[in-house]
Amino acid sequence: MKDIPVFDKNSLLVIASVPERGSVADVLVSKGDRLLKDLEKGSKIGTSSLLRVAQLRRMRPDLDPEPIRGNVETRIRKVDSGEFDAVVLAEAGLARLGVTGRISEKLPVEDFMPAPGQGALAVVARSENPKVIDLLRKIEHPPTRMEIEAERELVRVLEGGCKVPVGALARADGDRIRIVACIFSIDGKEKLLAERSGPIQDGVVLAGEIGEELIERGAKRIEESWRTVYV
């Protein structure tokens, strides 16, 4: 889900179904099963996520985040070979591959906010095929759908107002939903955090309010620190 763009309303594609979400957490896979706090200064950490880079710099500014390519197995092999000292990955991906035994540490969501949609799957179909959409709705998980729609609304609002990686997590609990979002400066030193709670049917509205609040509180200013990354 986190790699699916926010479709234009006139798109021929639609997210037809959202199955039940897996873990939203990031995890560390490291050489020797070391914890993040125990990694040596200057350790090379593989991640291609700008959000994870900022959060790593916030928690361990003495580490060296470096871009990494390849699927999950390839990235783990690069740790085993010594090319990287550790990698940060989504726990859900390792769980789906049956390799959670390689996890050295589950990183706390409070310190490593996930990307919007992390842990969820998107089943995409053509909007003009109602029979397929009706069939796919049978594996829909409504609470996950509500969470995802709120998180993606945050992306829509923030991308319209600034270009910064955003961490977001919506959690449905019965007829209520809680949404938390944050953005960071590129060095991780500055963090803007906002949250809302309310009726689950208001999730998208609440997410929009959070996005506007972050913009009002300085997202545009923080964008300056990311500008060279997007050039």
Protein backbone atom coordinates (compact mmCIF):
# COMPACT_ATOMS: atom_id res chain seq x y z
CA MET A 1 0.00 0.00 0.00
CA LYS A 2 2.70 2.52 0.91
CA ASP A 3 4.03 2.38 -2.66
CA ILE A 4 0.65 3.03 -4.30
CA PRO A 5 0.22 6.66 -5.39
CA VAL A 6 -2.78 8.67 -4.31
CA PHE A 7 -4.90 8.24 -7.42
CA ASP A 8 -6.52 11.18 -9.16
CA LYS A 9 -10.31 11.11 -8.98
CA ASN A 10 -10.39 10.58 -12.76
CA SER A 11 -8.02 7.61 -12.62
CA LEU A 12 -9.02 4.36 -14.32
CA LEU A 13 -7.66 2.50 -11.30
CA VAL A 14 -9.14 2.07 -7.85
CA ILE A 15 -8.04 0.39 -4.64
CA ALA A 16 -10.73 -2.26 -4.78
CA SER A 17 -9.90 -4.03 -1.54
CA VAL A 18 -7.78 -3.55 1.58
CA PRO A 19 -7.22 -6.81 3.51
CA GLU A 20 -6.47 -6.82 7.23
CA ARG A 21 -3.29 -4.96 8.06
CA GLY A 22 -0.12 -6.59 9.31
CA SER A 23 2.49 -5.05 11.59
CA VAL A 24 3.16 -1.35 11.03
CA ALA A 25 6.57 -1.40 12.73
CA ASP A 26 10.06 -0.96 11.32
CA VAL A 27 12.69 -3.50 12.33
CA LEU A 28 16.46 -3.68 12.38
CA VAL A 29 18.36 -6.58 10.82
CA SER A 30 21.97 -6.30 11.89
CA LYS A 31 25.27 -8.13 11.77
CA GLY A 32 25.61 -10.10 14.98
CA ASP A 33 22.02 -9.28 16.00
CA ARG A 34 23.07 -5.99 17.56
CA LEU A 35 20.49 -3.54 18.81
CA LEU A 36 20.38 -0.03 17.38
CA LYS A 37 21.85 1.43 20.57
CA ASP A 38 24.75 -1.02 20.42
CA LEU A 39 25.86 -0.38 16.83
CA GLU A 40 29.33 1.11 16.61
CA LYS A 41 29.80 4.74 15.62
CA GLY A 42 29.95 5.07 11.84
CA SER A 43 28.08 1.83 11.20
CA LYS A 44 26.63 1.71 7.69
CA ILE A 45 22.83 1.37 7.80
CA GLY A 46 20.98 0.49 4.61
CA THR A 47 17.70 2.24 3.83
CA SER A 48 16.30 4.01 0.80
CA SER A 49 13.53 5.69 2.80
CA LEU A 50 14.11 9.38 3.47
CA LEU A 51 11.74 9.14 6.44
CA ARG A 52 13.82 6.36 7.99
CA VAL A 53 17.02 8.32 7.30
CA ALA A 54 15.69 11.32 9.23
CA GLN A 55 14.56 9.16 12.14
CA LEU A 56 17.88 7.30 12.24
CA ARG A 57 19.72 10.62 12.32
CA ARG A 58 17.48 11.74 15.16
CA MET A 59 18.12 8.63 17.25
CA ARG A 60 21.74 7.89 16.28
CA PRO A 61 23.35 10.86 14.50
CA ASP A 62 26.70 9.04 14.63
CA LEU A 63 25.55 6.30 12.25
CA ASP A 64 25.88 6.38 8.46
CA PRO A 65 22.60 5.79 6.58
CA GLU A 66 23.23 4.74 2.99
CA PRO A 67 20.85 3.97 0.09
CA ILE A 68 20.26 0.29 -0.58
CA ARG A 69 18.53 -1.48 -3.46
CA GLY A 70 17.03 -4.93 -3.96
CA ASN A 71 14.28 -7.03 -2.42
CA VAL A 72 14.16 -8.04 1.24
CA GLU A 73 16.30 -11.15 0.79
CA THR A 74 18.92 -9.19 -1.18
CA ARG A 75 19.12 -6.52 1.51
CA ILE A 76 19.57 -9.11 4.24
CA ARG A 77 22.31 -10.78 2.21
CA LYS A 78 24.11 -7.44 2.01
CA VAL A 79 24.21 -7.42 5.82
CA ASP A 80 25.47 -10.99 5.94
CA SER A 81 28.20 -10.20 3.41
CA GLY A 82 29.38 -7.18 5.39
CA GLU A 83 28.40 -4.62 2.76
CA PHE A 84 26.14 -3.06 5.41
CA ASP A 85 26.24 -3.30 9.18
CA ALA A 86 22.44 -3.26 9.37
CA VAL A 87 19.30 -2.52 7.39
CA VAL A 88 15.94 -1.07 8.41
CA LEU A 89 12.94 -2.89 6.94
CA ALA A 90 9.19 -3.17 7.46
CA GLU A 91 8.29 -6.00 9.83
CA ALA A 92 5.25 -6.90 7.70
CA GLY A 93 7.46 -7.70 4.73
CA LEU A 94 9.62 -10.09 6.72
CA ALA A 95 6.53 -11.72 8.22
CA ARG A 96 5.01 -12.36 4.79
CA LEU A 97 8.27 -13.99 3.67
CA GLY A 98 8.53 -16.09 6.83
CA VAL A 99 11.90 -14.64 7.84
CA THR A 100 11.05 -12.86 11.11
CA GLY A 101 13.82 -14.92 12.72
CA ARG A 102 16.27 -12.48 11.13
CA ILE A 103 14.89 -9.53 13.09
CA SER A 104 17.46 -8.16 15.52
CA GLU A 105 15.18 -5.50 17.01
CA LYS A 106 11.64 -4.25 16.58
CA LEU A 107 11.94 -0.47 16.55
CA PRO A 108 9.40 1.45 18.66
CA VAL A 109 6.75 3.28 16.65
CA GLU A 110 7.23 6.30 18.91
CA ASP A 111 10.76 6.70 17.52
CA PHE A 112 10.24 5.26 14.03
CA MET A 113 6.86 6.38 12.74
CA PRO A 114 5.89 4.25 9.73
CA ALA A 115 5.21 5.55 6.27
CA PRO A 116 1.52 5.99 5.43
CA GLY A 117 0.04 2.63 4.48
CA GLN A 118 2.87 0.55 5.91
CA GLY A 119 1.83 -3.00 6.78
CA ALA A 120 -1.25 -2.91 4.55
CA LEU A 121 -1.85 -4.39 1.11
CA ALA A 122 -3.65 -2.68 -1.76
CA VAL A 123 -5.60 -4.76 -4.26
CA VAL A 124 -5.89 -2.51 -7.30
CA ALA A 125 -8.45 -3.01 -10.07
CA ARG A 126 -9.86 -1.12 -13.04
CA SER A 127 -12.63 1.17 -11.89
CA GLU A 128 -14.80 0.13 -14.84
CA ASN A 129 -14.98 -3.53 -13.74
CA PRO A 130 -17.64 -3.70 -10.98
CA LYS A 131 -17.81 -7.51 -11.00
CA VAL A 132 -14.13 -7.80 -10.08
CA ILE A 133 -14.44 -5.03 -7.50
CA ASP A 134 -17.44 -6.73 -5.86
CA LEU A 135 -15.51 -10.00 -5.70
CA LEU A 136 -12.45 -8.35 -4.15
CA ARG A 137 -14.57 -6.60 -1.52
CA LYS A 138 -15.07 -10.01 0.08
CA ILE A 139 -11.54 -9.81 1.49
CA GLU A 140 -11.93 -6.19 2.58
CA HIS A 141 -11.15 -5.35 6.23
CA PRO A 142 -13.18 -2.19 6.97
CA PRO A 143 -11.12 -0.95 9.98
CA THR A 144 -7.93 -1.18 7.92
CA ARG A 145 -9.62 0.64 5.05
CA MET A 146 -10.56 3.49 7.39
CA GLU A 147 -6.99 3.71 8.71
CA ILE A 148 -5.52 3.74 5.22
CA GLU A 149 -7.90 6.35 3.86
CA ALA A 150 -6.98 8.67 6.75
CA GLU A 151 -3.23 8.17 6.24
CA ARG A 152 -3.48 8.71 2.49
CA GLU A 153 -5.45 11.91 3.02
CA LEU A 154 -2.51 13.19 5.04
CA VAL A 155 -0.23 12.47 2.09
CA ARG A 156 -2.60 14.27 -0.27
CA VAL A 157 -2.79 17.39 1.90
CA LEU A 158 0.92 17.55 2.69
CA GLU A 159 2.10 16.86 -0.85
CA GLY A 160 -0.13 19.69 -1.97
CA GLY A 161 1.55 22.06 0.45
CA CYS A 162 5.14 20.87 0.81
CA LYS A 163 7.63 18.16 -0.16
CA VAL A 164 8.70 16.39 3.00
CA PRO A 165 8.57 12.70 3.95
CA VAL A 166 5.72 12.16 6.38
CA GLY A 167 5.30 9.49 9.03
CA ALA A 168 1.68 8.63 9.78
CA LEU A 169 -0.30 6.06 11.70
CA ALA A 170 -4.06 5.78 12.09
CA ARG A 171 -5.51 3.23 14.49
CA ALA A 172 -9.18 2.23 14.48
CA ASP A 173 -10.67 1.00 17.74
CA GLY A 174 -14.34 0.20 17.52
CA ASP A 175 -16.14 3.34 16.39
CA ARG A 176 -13.16 5.60 17.17
CA ILE A 177 -9.95 6.41 15.33
CA ARG A 178 -6.69 8.01 16.45
CA ILE A 179 -4.34 9.53 13.91
CA VAL A 180 -0.75 10.62 14.52
CA ALA A 181 1.55 12.22 11.96
CA CYS A 182 5.00 13.77 11.98
CA ILE A 183 7.56 15.33 9.70
CA PHE A 184 11.29 15.83 10.30
CA SER A 185 14.08 18.08 9.18
CA ILE A 186 16.65 16.26 7.05
CA ASP A 187 19.06 15.99 9.99
CA GLY A 188 16.29 14.64 12.22
CA LYS A 189 16.82 17.35 14.83
CA GLU A 190 13.46 19.02 14.31
CA LYS A 191 10.21 17.09 14.56
CA LEU A 192 6.67 18.35 14.08
CA LEU A 193 4.03 16.07 15.58
CA ALA A 194 0.25 16.37 15.44
CA GLU A 195 -2.61 14.06 16.32
CA ARG A 196 -6.38 13.84 16.40
CA SER A 197 -8.96 11.39 17.75
CA GLY A 198 -12.63 11.15 16.91
CA PRO A 199 -15.42 9.10 15.35
CA ILE A 200 -14.10 6.61 12.81
CA GLN A 201 -16.30 8.02 10.05
CA ASP A 202 -14.50 11.35 10.46
CA GLY A 203 -11.03 9.87 9.90
CA VAL A 204 -10.38 11.56 6.55
CA VAL A 205 -11.53 14.93 7.88
CA LEU A 206 -9.34 14.59 10.97
CA ALA A 207 -6.35 13.63 8.80
CA GLY A 208 -6.90 16.70 6.64
CA GLU A 209 -6.91 18.87 9.75
CA ILE A 210 -3.61 17.32 10.88
CA GLY A 211 -2.04 17.98 7.48
CA GLU A 212 -3.13 21.62 7.55
CA GLU A 213 -1.86 21.99 11.12
CA LEU A 214 1.58 20.67 10.17
CA ILE A 215 1.76 23.11 7.27
CA GLU A 216 0.74 25.99 9.53
CA ARG A 217 3.34 24.98 12.13
CA GLY A 218 6.27 25.08 9.74
CA ALA A 219 6.25 22.24 7.24
CA LYS A 220 7.16 24.72 4.50
CA ARG A 221 10.18 25.87 6.50
CA ILE A 222 11.28 22.29 7.10
CA GLU A 223 10.88 21.66 3.39
CA GLU A 224 13.89 23.89 2.79
CA SER A 225 16.13 21.31 4.43
CA TRP A 226 14.86 18.64 2.02
CA ARG A 227 14.97 20.69 -1.16
CA THR A 228 18.36 19.48 -2.36
CA VAL A 229 17.24 15.85 -1.88
CA TYR A 230 14.38 16.29 -4.35
CA VAL A 231 16.36 18.20 -7.00
